[in-house]
C-alpha atoms as a PDB file:
ATOM      1  CA  MET A   1    -179.268   5.417  -1.567  1.00  0.00           C
ATOM      2  CA  PRO A   2    -180.374   7.733  -4.141  1.00  0.00           C
ATOM      3  CA  PRO A   3    -177.687   9.145  -6.416  1.00  0.00           C
ATOM      4  CA  ARG A   4    -176.495  12.606  -5.576  1.00  0.00           C
ATOM      5  CA  PRO A   5    -177.210  15.383  -7.919  1.00  0.00           C
ATOM      6  CA  PRO A   6    -174.062  16.865  -9.588  1.00  0.00           C
ATOM      7  CA  GLN A   7    -172.685  19.809  -7.660  1.00  0.00           C
ATOM      8  CA  LYS A   8    -171.607  22.988  -9.285  1.00  0.00           C
ATOM      9  CA  GLY A   9    -168.057  24.257  -8.577  1.00  0.00           C
ATOM     10  CA  MET A  10    -165.002  22.317  -7.442  1.00  0.00           C
ATOM     11  CA  ASN A  11    -164.715  19.763  -4.759  1.00  0.00           C
ATOM     12  CA  LEU A  12    -161.793  19.679  -2.319  1.00  0.00           C
ATOM     13  CA  ASN A  13    -159.872  16.928  -4.111  1.00  0.00           C
ATOM     14  CA  THR A  14    -159.860  18.837  -7.400  1.00  0.00           C
ATOM     15  CA  LEU A  15    -158.693  21.987  -5.652  1.00  0.00           C
ATOM     16  CA  ILE A  16    -155.827  20.110  -3.923  1.00  0.00           C
ATOM     17  CA  LEU A  17    -154.867  18.489  -7.243  1.00  0.00           C
ATOM     18  CA  ILE A  18    -154.740  21.882  -9.005  1.00  0.00           C
ATOM     19  CA  LEU A  19    -152.712  23.488  -6.203  1.00  0.00           C
ATOM     20  CA  THR A  20    -150.295  20.534  -6.207  1.00  0.00           C
ATOM     21  CA  ALA A  21    -149.836  20.837  -9.973  1.00  0.00           C
ATOM     22  CA  ILE A  22    -149.187  24.600  -9.663  1.00  0.00           C
ATOM     23  CA  GLY A  23    -146.703  23.957  -6.839  1.00  0.00           C
ATOM     24  CA  GLY A  24    -144.938  21.332  -8.935  1.00  0.00           C
ATOM     25  CA  LEU A  25    -144.676  23.709 -11.896  1.00  0.00           C
ATOM     26  CA  VAL A  26    -143.286  26.459  -9.664  1.00  0.00           C
ATOM     27  CA  THR A  27    -140.744  24.037  -8.188  1.00  0.00           C
ATOM     28  CA  VAL A  28    -139.668  22.858 -11.634  1.00  0.00           C
ATOM     29  CA  GLY A  29    -139.351  26.492 -12.697  1.00  0.00           C
ATOM     30  CA  LYS A  30    -137.200  27.292  -9.675  1.00  0.00           C
ATOM     31  CA  VAL A  31    -134.924  24.347 -10.432  1.00  0.00           C
ATOM     32  CA  LEU A  32    -134.687  24.590 -14.221  1.00  0.00           C
ATOM     33  CA  LEU A  33    -134.559  28.352 -14.766  1.00  0.00           C
ATOM     34  CA  PRO A  34    -131.266  28.824 -12.885  1.00  0.00           C
ATOM     35  CA  LEU A  35    -129.795  25.985 -14.961  1.00  0.00           C
ATOM     36  CA  ALA A  36    -130.505  27.989 -18.105  1.00  0.00           C
ATOM     37  CA  VAL A  37    -128.003  30.685 -17.057  1.00  0.00           C
ATOM     38  CA  VAL A  38    -125.227  28.250 -16.074  1.00  0.00           C
ATOM     39  CA  PRO A  39    -123.435  28.463 -19.466  1.00  0.00           C
ATOM     40  CA  GLU A  40    -123.360  32.263 -19.222  1.00  0.00           C
ATOM     41  CA  LYS A  41    -121.974  32.082 -15.690  1.00  0.00           C
ATOM     42  CA  VAL A  42    -119.354  29.531 -16.759  1.00  0.00           C
ATOM     43  CA  GLU A  43    -118.285  31.859 -19.567  1.00  0.00           C
ATOM     44  CA  GLN A  44    -118.060  34.798 -17.153  1.00  0.00           C
ATOM     45  CA  VAL A  45    -115.953  32.750 -14.751  1.00  0.00           C
ATOM     46  CA  GLY A  46    -113.728  31.682 -17.638  1.00  0.00           C
ATOM     47  CA  GLN A  47    -113.243  35.304 -18.649  1.00  0.00           C
ATOM     48  CA  SER A  48    -112.421  36.230 -15.056  1.00  0.00           C
ATOM     49  CA  VAL A  49    -109.896  33.405 -14.829  1.00  0.00           C
ATOM     50  CA  SER A  50    -108.320  34.548 -18.105  1.00  0.00           C
ATOM     51  CA  ALA A  51    -108.109  38.114 -16.820  1.00  0.00           C
ATOM     52  CA  VAL A  52    -106.505  36.953 -13.572  1.00  0.00           C
ATOM     53  CA  ARG A  53    -104.055  34.788 -15.538  1.00  0.00           C
ATOM     54  CA  ARG A  54    -103.094  37.808 -17.682  1.00  0.00           C
ATOM     55  CA  ASP A  55    -102.644  39.914 -14.536  1.00  0.00           C
ATOM     56  CA  VAL A  56    -100.429  37.238 -12.988  1.00  0.00           C
ATOM     57  CA  ASP A  57     -98.336  37.107 -16.162  1.00  0.00           C
ATOM     58  CA  ASP A  58     -98.031  40.899 -16.131  1.00  0.00           C
ATOM     59  CA  VAL A  59     -96.984  40.874 -12.480  1.00  0.00           C
ATOM     60  CA  ALA A  60     -94.385  38.185 -13.229  1.00  0.00           C
ATOM     61  CA  LYS A  61     -92.980  40.300 -16.079  1.00  0.00           C
ATOM     62  CA  VAL A  62     -92.867  43.399 -13.879  1.00  0.00           C
ATOM     63  CA  GLN A  63     -91.120  41.453 -11.121  1.00  0.00           C
ATOM     64  CA  ALA A  64     -88.570  40.145 -13.615  1.00  0.00           C
ATOM     65  CA  VAL A  65     -87.853  43.695 -14.795  1.00  0.00           C
ATOM     66  CA  GLN A  66     -87.603  44.927 -11.202  1.00  0.00           C
ATOM     67  CA  THR A  67     -85.214  42.099 -10.312  1.00  0.00           C
ATOM     68  CA  GLU A  68     -83.013  42.917 -13.301  1.00  0.00           C
ATOM     69  CA  ALA A  69     -83.061  46.612 -12.364  1.00  0.00           C
ATOM     70  CA  LEU A  70     -82.071  45.789  -8.778  1.00  0.00           C
ATOM     71  CA  LYS A  71     -79.191  43.627 -10.029  1.00  0.00           C
ATOM     72  CA  ARG A  72     -77.982  46.476 -12.232  1.00  0.00           C
ATOM     73  CA  LEU A  73     -78.246  48.937  -9.348  1.00  0.00           C
ATOM     74  CA  ALA A  74     -76.240  46.573  -7.139  1.00  0.00           C
ATOM     75  CA  ASP A  75     -73.577  46.305  -9.851  1.00  0.00           C
ATOM     76  CA  ILE A  76     -73.490  50.078 -10.210  1.00  0.00           C
ATOM     77  CA  ALA A  77     -73.174  50.525  -6.435  1.00  0.00           C
ATOM     78  CA  SER A  78     -70.357  47.998  -6.368  1.00  0.00           C
ATOM     79  CA  ASP A  79     -68.602  49.771  -9.259  1.00  0.00           C
ATOM     80  CA  ALA A  80     -69.119  53.120  -7.546  1.00  0.00           C
ATOM     81  CA  ASN A  81     -67.539  51.793  -4.347  1.00  0.00           C
ATOM     82  CA  ALA A  82     -64.590  50.377  -6.275  1.00  0.00           C
ATOM     83  CA  THR A  83     -64.183  53.651  -8.166  1.00  0.00           C
ATOM     84  CA  ARG A  84     -64.300  55.611  -4.911  1.00  0.00           C
ATOM     85  CA  ARG A  85     -61.595  53.389  -3.420  1.00  0.00           C
ATOM     86  CA  ASP A  86     -59.472  53.885  -6.542  1.00  0.00           C
ATOM     87  CA  VAL A  87     -59.946  57.659  -6.401  1.00  0.00           C
ATOM     88  CA  ASP A  88     -59.044  57.753  -2.699  1.00  0.00           C
ATOM     89  CA  ARG A  89     -55.964  55.590  -3.272  1.00  0.00           C
ATOM     90  CA  HIS A  90     -54.821  57.678  -6.240  1.00  0.00           C
ATOM     91  CA  GLY A  91     -55.535  60.859  -4.299  1.00  0.00           C
ATOM     92  CA  ALA A  92     -53.280  59.617  -1.520  1.00  0.00           C
ATOM     93  CA  GLU A  93     -50.593  58.749  -4.084  1.00  0.00           C
ATOM     94  CA  ILE A  94     -50.880  62.228  -5.609  1.00  0.00           C
ATOM     95  CA  LYS A  95     -50.490  63.808  -2.173  1.00  0.00           C
ATOM     96  CA  GLU A  96     -47.428  61.648  -1.554  1.00  0.00           C
ATOM     97  CA  VAL A  97     -45.921  62.689  -4.881  1.00  0.00           C
ATOM     98  CA  GLN A  98     -46.706  66.335  -4.067  1.00  0.00           C
ATOM     99  CA  ARG A  99     -44.874  66.036  -0.727  1.00  0.00           C
ATOM    100  CA  ARG A 100     -41.856  64.489  -2.434  1.00  0.00           C
ATOM    101  CA  LEU A 101     -41.810  67.289  -5.002  1.00  0.00           C
ATOM    102  CA  ASP A 102     -42.019  69.863  -2.223  1.00  0.00           C
ATOM    103  CA  ARG A 103     -39.050  68.227  -0.422  1.00  0.00           C
ATOM    104  CA  ILE A 104     -37.020  68.087  -3.633  1.00  0.00           C
ATOM    105  CA  GLU A 105     -37.774  71.739  -4.340  1.00  0.00           C
ATOM    106  CA  ALA A 106     -36.881  72.662  -0.792  1.00  0.00           C
ATOM    107  CA  ARG A 107     -33.331  71.273  -1.192  1.00  0.00           C
END
């Protein structure tokens, strides 16, 4: 067989090889480019976790203050009830003394 004359342009194998290389580069780009932003994302997540931790600490402090306030209010209510009982009892004693004075004056 006589040798073939060189053809101008690309044959099918070269075209497939070029397209495969381009596809490989695109795939590598899709895999490696997101990995480049991982440290930034990790830092953002760390900042979010820190913010949430601060919020939780603030909520714990607020709850502690609210609990203390509720205890004080309960003590005040208890003292108010005791004071009311004392006032009622002394009021009754005063009325009793007033009746005795009225009887003594009536004699």
